[in-house]
């Protein structure tokens, strides 16, 4: 939950729980936010892989497949990032925190759809 503590700094009800109407899409958002997903950063932990060896298998950047990498950096998802306007000119933690803590309905919708489609793409490519 390394990233969660960066963007969740107050105990309050989250807007995304109400503004995403599609239950299939809505269930992916809390899973991603709480690191309850199938990215290497988590699955490697379960199988005893050293943290810096939990590499992304979809790109050759030779970095850990974390939520940050998945959302902002991995070139395998560049087309999806363009579709959902998740392609910052210079990805950094501040951008990641702003996206993940956004209360803007359009941003929340785009983020949730991106997560669902990128996870599907990832699972079909593995």
N, C-alpha and C. Protein backbone atom coordinates (compact mmCIF):
# COMPACT_ATOMS: atom_id res chain seq x y z
N UNK A 1 0.82 -1.19 0.00
CA UNK A 1 0.00 0.00 0.00
C UNK A 1 0.87 1.26 0.00
N UNK A 2 2.02 1.12 -0.60
CA UNK A 2 2.96 2.22 -0.69
C UNK A 2 2.35 3.45 -1.37
N UNK A 3 1.65 3.23 -2.47
CA UNK A 3 1.08 4.35 -3.20
C UNK A 3 -0.21 4.86 -2.57
N UNK A 4 -0.98 3.97 -1.99
CA UNK A 4 -2.26 4.35 -1.37
C UNK A 4 -2.08 5.46 -0.35
N UNK A 5 -1.06 5.33 0.47
CA UNK A 5 -0.83 6.35 1.51
C UNK A 5 -0.43 7.71 0.93
N UNK A 6 -0.01 7.73 -0.33
CA UNK A 6 0.33 9.01 -0.96
C UNK A 6 -0.92 9.81 -1.35
N UNK A 7 -1.94 9.11 -1.85
CA UNK A 7 -3.12 9.85 -2.33
C UNK A 7 -4.32 9.78 -1.40
N UNK A 8 -4.30 8.92 -0.42
CA UNK A 8 -5.41 8.84 0.53
C UNK A 8 -4.91 9.37 1.87
N UNK A 9 -5.19 10.63 2.13
CA UNK A 9 -4.66 11.24 3.35
C UNK A 9 -5.75 11.69 4.32
N UNK A 10 -7.00 11.37 4.03
CA UNK A 10 -8.07 11.68 4.97
C UNK A 10 -9.11 10.56 4.95
N UNK A 11 -9.71 10.33 6.10
CA UNK A 11 -10.72 9.29 6.22
C UNK A 11 -12.06 9.88 5.82
N UNK A 12 -12.46 9.63 4.57
CA UNK A 12 -13.73 10.15 4.07
C UNK A 12 -14.24 9.28 2.94
N UNK A 13 -15.52 9.40 2.70
CA UNK A 13 -16.17 8.67 1.62
C UNK A 13 -15.62 9.15 0.29
N UNK A 14 -15.35 8.22 -0.62
CA UNK A 14 -14.76 8.57 -1.91
C UNK A 14 -15.83 8.75 -2.98
N UNK A 15 -15.69 9.82 -3.74
CA UNK A 15 -16.67 10.19 -4.76
C UNK A 15 -16.81 9.13 -5.85
N UNK A 16 -15.72 8.45 -6.17
CA UNK A 16 -15.79 7.47 -7.26
C UNK A 16 -16.79 6.36 -6.98
N UNK A 17 -17.10 6.12 -5.72
CA UNK A 17 -18.05 5.06 -5.37
C UNK A 17 -19.46 5.38 -5.85
N UNK A 18 -19.77 6.66 -5.99
CA UNK A 18 -21.10 7.08 -6.45
C UNK A 18 -21.16 7.43 -7.93
N UNK A 19 -20.08 7.92 -8.50
CA UNK A 19 -20.17 8.44 -9.86
C UNK A 19 -19.89 7.40 -10.95
N UNK A 20 -19.42 6.21 -10.58
CA UNK A 20 -19.24 5.15 -11.57
C UNK A 20 -20.44 4.22 -11.46
N UNK A 21 -21.31 4.25 -12.45
CA UNK A 21 -22.56 3.48 -12.41
C UNK A 21 -22.39 2.02 -12.78
N UNK A 22 -21.47 1.72 -13.67
CA UNK A 22 -21.26 0.35 -14.11
C UNK A 22 -20.52 -0.43 -13.02
N UNK A 23 -21.20 -1.41 -12.45
CA UNK A 23 -20.62 -2.17 -11.32
C UNK A 23 -19.33 -2.88 -11.70
N UNK A 24 -19.26 -3.41 -12.92
CA UNK A 24 -18.06 -4.10 -13.37
C UNK A 24 -16.86 -3.15 -13.39
N UNK A 25 -17.09 -1.93 -13.83
CA UNK A 25 -16.01 -0.94 -13.87
C UNK A 25 -15.72 -0.44 -12.45
N UNK A 26 -16.77 -0.20 -11.69
CA UNK A 26 -16.60 0.35 -10.34
C UNK A 26 -15.78 -0.55 -9.42
N UNK A 27 -15.89 -1.86 -9.55
CA UNK A 27 -15.17 -2.76 -8.66
C UNK A 27 -13.66 -2.76 -8.90
N UNK A 28 -13.23 -2.36 -10.09
CA UNK A 28 -11.79 -2.32 -10.38
C UNK A 28 -11.08 -1.16 -9.71
N UNK A 29 -11.77 -0.06 -9.52
CA UNK A 29 -11.14 1.12 -8.94
C UNK A 29 -10.64 0.87 -7.51
N UNK A 30 -11.46 0.38 -6.59
CA UNK A 30 -10.92 0.14 -5.24
C UNK A 30 -9.85 -0.95 -5.23
N UNK A 31 -9.97 -1.93 -6.08
CA UNK A 31 -8.94 -2.97 -6.15
C UNK A 31 -7.59 -2.37 -6.54
N UNK A 32 -7.62 -1.49 -7.53
CA UNK A 32 -6.38 -0.85 -7.96
C UNK A 32 -5.84 0.06 -6.86
N UNK A 33 -6.71 0.86 -6.28
CA UNK A 33 -6.30 1.80 -5.24
C UNK A 33 -5.71 1.09 -4.02
N UNK A 34 -6.26 -0.07 -3.68
CA UNK A 34 -5.83 -0.80 -2.48
C UNK A 34 -4.78 -1.88 -2.78
N UNK A 35 -4.26 -1.90 -3.99
CA UNK A 35 -3.25 -2.88 -4.42
C UNK A 35 -3.75 -4.31 -4.35
N UNK A 36 -5.03 -4.49 -4.61
CA UNK A 36 -5.62 -5.83 -4.65
C UNK A 36 -5.81 -6.21 -6.11
N UNK A 37 -4.71 -6.31 -6.83
CA UNK A 37 -4.72 -6.53 -8.27
C UNK A 37 -3.67 -7.56 -8.64
N UNK A 38 -3.48 -7.77 -9.92
CA UNK A 38 -2.56 -8.81 -10.39
C UNK A 38 -1.25 -8.25 -10.95
N UNK A 39 -0.91 -7.01 -10.62
CA UNK A 39 0.37 -6.47 -11.06
C UNK A 39 1.50 -7.18 -10.33
N UNK A 40 2.66 -7.22 -10.94
CA UNK A 40 3.81 -7.93 -10.38
C UNK A 40 4.20 -7.43 -8.99
N UNK A 41 3.99 -6.17 -8.70
CA UNK A 41 4.34 -5.63 -7.39
C UNK A 41 3.63 -6.41 -6.28
N UNK A 42 2.43 -6.91 -6.57
CA UNK A 42 1.68 -7.69 -5.58
C UNK A 42 1.88 -9.19 -5.76
N UNK A 43 1.74 -9.70 -6.97
CA UNK A 43 1.84 -11.15 -7.16
C UNK A 43 3.23 -11.65 -6.83
N UNK A 44 4.23 -10.84 -7.09
CA UNK A 44 5.61 -11.22 -6.73
C UNK A 44 5.80 -11.33 -5.23
N UNK A 45 5.11 -10.52 -4.50
CA UNK A 45 5.17 -10.55 -3.04
C UNK A 45 4.65 -11.89 -2.52
N UNK A 46 3.57 -12.37 -3.13
CA UNK A 46 2.98 -13.64 -2.70
C UNK A 46 3.89 -14.83 -3.00
N UNK A 47 4.63 -14.72 -4.08
CA UNK A 47 5.50 -15.84 -4.45
C UNK A 47 6.94 -15.67 -3.99
N UNK A 48 7.21 -14.65 -3.20
CA UNK A 48 8.54 -14.47 -2.60
C UNK A 48 9.58 -13.84 -3.51
N UNK A 49 9.17 -13.19 -4.58
CA UNK A 49 10.12 -12.52 -5.48
C UNK A 49 10.58 -11.22 -4.82
N UNK A 50 11.86 -10.98 -4.83
CA UNK A 50 12.42 -9.76 -4.26
C UNK A 50 11.80 -8.56 -4.97
N UNK A 51 11.49 -7.51 -4.24
CA UNK A 51 10.75 -6.36 -4.76
C UNK A 51 11.32 -5.80 -6.06
N UNK A 52 12.62 -5.58 -6.13
CA UNK A 52 13.20 -4.98 -7.34
C UNK A 52 13.26 -5.95 -8.52
N UNK A 53 12.84 -7.20 -8.32
CA UNK A 53 12.80 -8.18 -9.40
C UNK A 53 11.38 -8.41 -9.92
N UNK A 54 10.42 -7.67 -9.44
CA UNK A 54 9.02 -7.82 -9.86
C UNK A 54 8.78 -6.97 -11.11
N UNK A 55 9.44 -7.32 -12.16
CA UNK A 55 9.50 -6.51 -13.39
C UNK A 55 8.24 -6.62 -14.23
N UNK A 56 7.98 -5.55 -14.95
CA UNK A 56 6.90 -5.53 -15.92
C UNK A 56 7.26 -6.46 -17.08
N UNK A 57 6.33 -7.32 -17.45
CA UNK A 57 6.59 -8.29 -18.51
C UNK A 57 6.11 -7.80 -19.87
N UNK A 58 5.50 -6.63 -19.91
CA UNK A 58 4.98 -6.11 -21.18
C UNK A 58 5.91 -5.10 -21.84
N UNK A 59 6.94 -4.68 -21.14
CA UNK A 59 7.85 -3.69 -21.74
C UNK A 59 9.29 -4.06 -21.40
N UNK A 60 10.21 -3.36 -22.01
CA UNK A 60 11.63 -3.62 -21.76
C UNK A 60 12.28 -2.50 -20.95
N UNK A 61 11.50 -1.81 -20.15
CA UNK A 61 12.04 -0.73 -19.32
C UNK A 61 12.82 -1.28 -18.12
N UNK A 62 12.64 -2.58 -17.84
CA UNK A 62 13.36 -3.23 -16.76
C UNK A 62 13.09 -2.58 -15.39
N UNK A 63 11.80 -2.27 -15.15
CA UNK A 63 11.40 -1.65 -13.87
C UNK A 63 10.29 -2.48 -13.23
N UNK A 64 10.11 -2.24 -11.96
CA UNK A 64 9.06 -2.92 -11.21
C UNK A 64 7.68 -2.54 -11.76
N UNK A 65 6.81 -3.52 -11.92
CA UNK A 65 5.46 -3.26 -12.41
C UNK A 65 4.59 -2.82 -11.23
N UNK A 66 4.62 -1.55 -10.96
CA UNK A 66 3.85 -0.95 -9.87
C UNK A 66 2.63 -0.25 -10.44
N UNK A 67 1.79 0.25 -9.56
CA UNK A 67 0.62 1.02 -9.98
C UNK A 67 1.07 2.26 -10.77
N UNK A 68 2.11 2.90 -10.31
CA UNK A 68 2.65 4.08 -10.99
C UNK A 68 3.09 3.73 -12.41
N UNK A 69 3.86 2.67 -12.56
CA UNK A 69 4.33 2.25 -13.89
C UNK A 69 3.15 1.89 -14.79
N UNK A 70 2.22 1.14 -14.24
CA UNK A 70 1.03 0.70 -14.99
C UNK A 70 0.20 1.88 -15.47
N UNK A 71 0.02 2.87 -14.61
CA UNK A 71 -0.85 4.00 -14.94
C UNK A 71 -0.17 5.03 -15.84
N UNK A 72 1.10 5.32 -15.61
CA UNK A 72 1.73 6.46 -16.29
C UNK A 72 2.90 6.16 -17.21
N UNK A 73 3.57 5.03 -17.05
CA UNK A 73 4.85 4.87 -17.74
C UNK A 73 4.95 3.76 -18.78
N UNK A 74 4.35 2.62 -18.53
CA UNK A 74 4.55 1.47 -19.41
C UNK A 74 4.12 1.78 -20.85
N UNK A 75 5.06 1.63 -21.79
CA UNK A 75 4.73 1.95 -23.18
C UNK A 75 3.67 1.02 -23.79
N UNK A 76 3.45 -0.13 -23.20
CA UNK A 76 2.45 -1.06 -23.72
C UNK A 76 1.04 -0.48 -23.68
N UNK A 77 0.82 0.50 -22.82
CA UNK A 77 -0.51 1.09 -22.66
C UNK A 77 -0.63 2.49 -23.26
N UNK A 78 0.32 2.90 -24.07
CA UNK A 78 0.31 4.26 -24.62
C UNK A 78 -0.97 4.58 -25.39
N UNK A 79 -1.47 3.65 -26.19
CA UNK A 79 -2.69 3.91 -26.95
C UNK A 79 -3.87 4.12 -26.02
N UNK A 80 -3.96 3.31 -24.98
CA UNK A 80 -5.05 3.49 -24.00
C UNK A 80 -4.91 4.82 -23.27
N UNK A 81 -3.69 5.19 -22.95
CA UNK A 81 -3.48 6.48 -22.27
C UNK A 81 -3.97 7.63 -23.13
N UNK A 82 -3.72 7.55 -24.41
CA UNK A 82 -4.20 8.61 -25.32
C UNK A 82 -5.73 8.62 -25.36
N UNK A 83 -6.33 7.45 -25.43
CA UNK A 83 -7.78 7.34 -25.47
C UNK A 83 -8.42 7.97 -24.24
N UNK A 84 -7.84 7.70 -23.08
CA UNK A 84 -8.42 8.18 -21.82
C UNK A 84 -7.69 9.37 -21.22
N UNK A 85 -6.88 10.02 -22.03
CA UNK A 85 -6.19 11.25 -21.64
C UNK A 85 -5.42 11.07 -20.33
N UNK A 86 -4.66 10.00 -20.28
CA UNK A 86 -3.82 9.68 -19.12
C UNK A 86 -2.36 9.76 -19.49
N UNK A 87 -2.03 10.56 -20.49
CA UNK A 87 -0.65 10.61 -20.97
C UNK A 87 -0.01 11.96 -20.63
N UNK A 88 0.54 12.07 -19.43
CA UNK A 88 1.18 13.33 -19.06
C UNK A 88 2.49 13.51 -19.83
N UNK A 89 2.88 14.74 -20.03
CA UNK A 89 4.12 14.99 -20.77
C UNK A 89 5.33 14.50 -19.97
N UNK A 90 5.25 14.57 -18.65
CA UNK A 90 6.34 14.10 -17.82
C UNK A 90 5.76 13.41 -16.60
N UNK A 91 5.64 12.06 -16.62
CA UNK A 91 5.05 11.37 -15.48
C UNK A 91 5.89 11.52 -14.22
N UNK A 92 5.25 11.77 -13.12
CA UNK A 92 5.92 11.85 -11.83
C UNK A 92 4.92 11.54 -10.73
N UNK A 93 5.40 11.45 -9.49
CA UNK A 93 4.50 11.09 -8.39
C UNK A 93 3.41 12.12 -8.17
N UNK A 94 3.69 13.38 -8.40
CA UNK A 94 2.67 14.42 -8.22
C UNK A 94 1.51 14.20 -9.19
N UNK A 95 1.81 13.85 -10.42
CA UNK A 95 0.78 13.56 -11.42
C UNK A 95 -0.02 12.34 -10.98
N UNK A 96 0.67 11.31 -10.53
CA UNK A 96 0.01 10.09 -10.06
C UNK A 96 -0.95 10.41 -8.91
N UNK A 97 -0.48 11.15 -7.94
CA UNK A 97 -1.31 11.51 -6.78
C UNK A 97 -2.51 12.34 -7.21
N UNK A 98 -2.30 13.30 -8.11
CA UNK A 98 -3.42 14.14 -8.59
C UNK A 98 -4.48 13.31 -9.29
N UNK A 99 -4.08 12.36 -10.09
CA UNK A 99 -5.05 11.52 -10.80
C UNK A 99 -5.80 10.63 -9.81
N UNK A 100 -5.06 9.99 -8.93
CA UNK A 100 -5.67 9.03 -8.02
C UNK A 100 -6.54 9.68 -6.95
N UNK A 101 -6.31 10.94 -6.64
CA UNK A 101 -7.10 11.62 -5.61
C UNK A 101 -8.12 12.59 -6.21
N UNK A 102 -8.26 12.58 -7.51
CA UNK A 102 -9.16 13.51 -8.18
C UNK A 102 -10.62 13.28 -7.78
N UNK A 103 -11.36 14.39 -7.68
CA UNK A 103 -12.80 14.33 -7.46
C UNK A 103 -13.57 14.77 -8.70
N UNK A 104 -12.84 15.00 -9.78
CA UNK A 104 -13.44 15.38 -11.05
C UNK A 104 -14.08 14.15 -11.68
N UNK A 105 -15.36 14.22 -11.96
CA UNK A 105 -16.11 13.06 -12.47
C UNK A 105 -15.52 12.55 -13.79
N UNK A 106 -15.16 13.45 -14.69
CA UNK A 106 -14.58 13.04 -15.97
C UNK A 106 -13.26 12.29 -15.76
N UNK A 107 -12.43 12.80 -14.88
CA UNK A 107 -11.15 12.14 -14.57
C UNK A 107 -11.39 10.77 -13.96
N UNK A 108 -12.34 10.67 -13.05
CA UNK A 108 -12.66 9.40 -12.40
C UNK A 108 -13.15 8.38 -13.42
N UNK A 109 -14.03 8.80 -14.32
CA UNK A 109 -14.55 7.90 -15.35
C UNK A 109 -13.43 7.43 -16.27
N UNK A 110 -12.60 8.35 -16.73
CA UNK A 110 -11.50 7.97 -17.61
C UNK A 110 -10.51 7.04 -16.91
N UNK A 111 -10.20 7.34 -15.67
CA UNK A 111 -9.27 6.49 -14.91
C UNK A 111 -9.83 5.09 -14.74
N UNK A 112 -11.08 4.98 -14.35
CA UNK A 112 -11.66 3.66 -14.12
C UNK A 112 -11.74 2.85 -15.41
N UNK A 113 -12.10 3.48 -16.51
CA UNK A 113 -12.15 2.77 -17.79
C UNK A 113 -10.75 2.35 -18.24
N UNK A 114 -9.78 3.24 -18.03
CA UNK A 114 -8.39 2.91 -18.37
C UNK A 114 -7.93 1.69 -17.58
N UNK A 115 -8.20 1.66 -16.28
CA UNK A 115 -7.77 0.54 -15.43
C UNK A 115 -8.37 -0.77 -15.94
N UNK A 116 -9.66 -0.76 -16.23
CA UNK A 116 -10.33 -1.98 -16.70
C UNK A 116 -9.73 -2.45 -18.02
N UNK A 117 -9.61 -1.57 -18.99
CA UNK A 117 -9.11 -1.96 -20.30
C UNK A 117 -7.63 -2.34 -20.27
N UNK A 118 -6.85 -1.61 -19.50
CA UNK A 118 -5.42 -1.93 -19.40
C UNK A 118 -5.21 -3.27 -18.71
N UNK A 119 -5.98 -3.56 -17.69
CA UNK A 119 -5.88 -4.87 -17.01
C UNK A 119 -6.29 -5.99 -17.97
N UNK A 120 -7.34 -5.78 -18.75
CA UNK A 120 -7.75 -6.79 -19.74
C UNK A 120 -6.63 -7.01 -20.77
N UNK A 121 -6.06 -5.92 -21.26
CA UNK A 121 -4.97 -6.01 -22.22
C UNK A 121 -3.80 -6.76 -21.61
N UNK A 122 -3.46 -6.41 -20.38
CA UNK A 122 -2.34 -7.04 -19.68
C UNK A 122 -2.57 -8.54 -19.51
N UNK A 123 -3.76 -8.89 -19.05
CA UNK A 123 -4.07 -10.31 -18.82
C UNK A 123 -4.11 -11.12 -20.11
N UNK A 124 -4.54 -10.50 -21.20
CA UNK A 124 -4.58 -11.19 -22.50
C UNK A 124 -3.20 -11.29 -23.13
N UNK A 125 -2.28 -10.40 -22.73
CA UNK A 125 -0.93 -10.40 -23.31
C UNK A 125 0.02 -11.31 -22.56
N UNK A 126 -0.33 -11.67 -21.36
CA UNK A 126 0.58 -12.50 -20.53
C UNK A 126 0.59 -13.93 -20.94
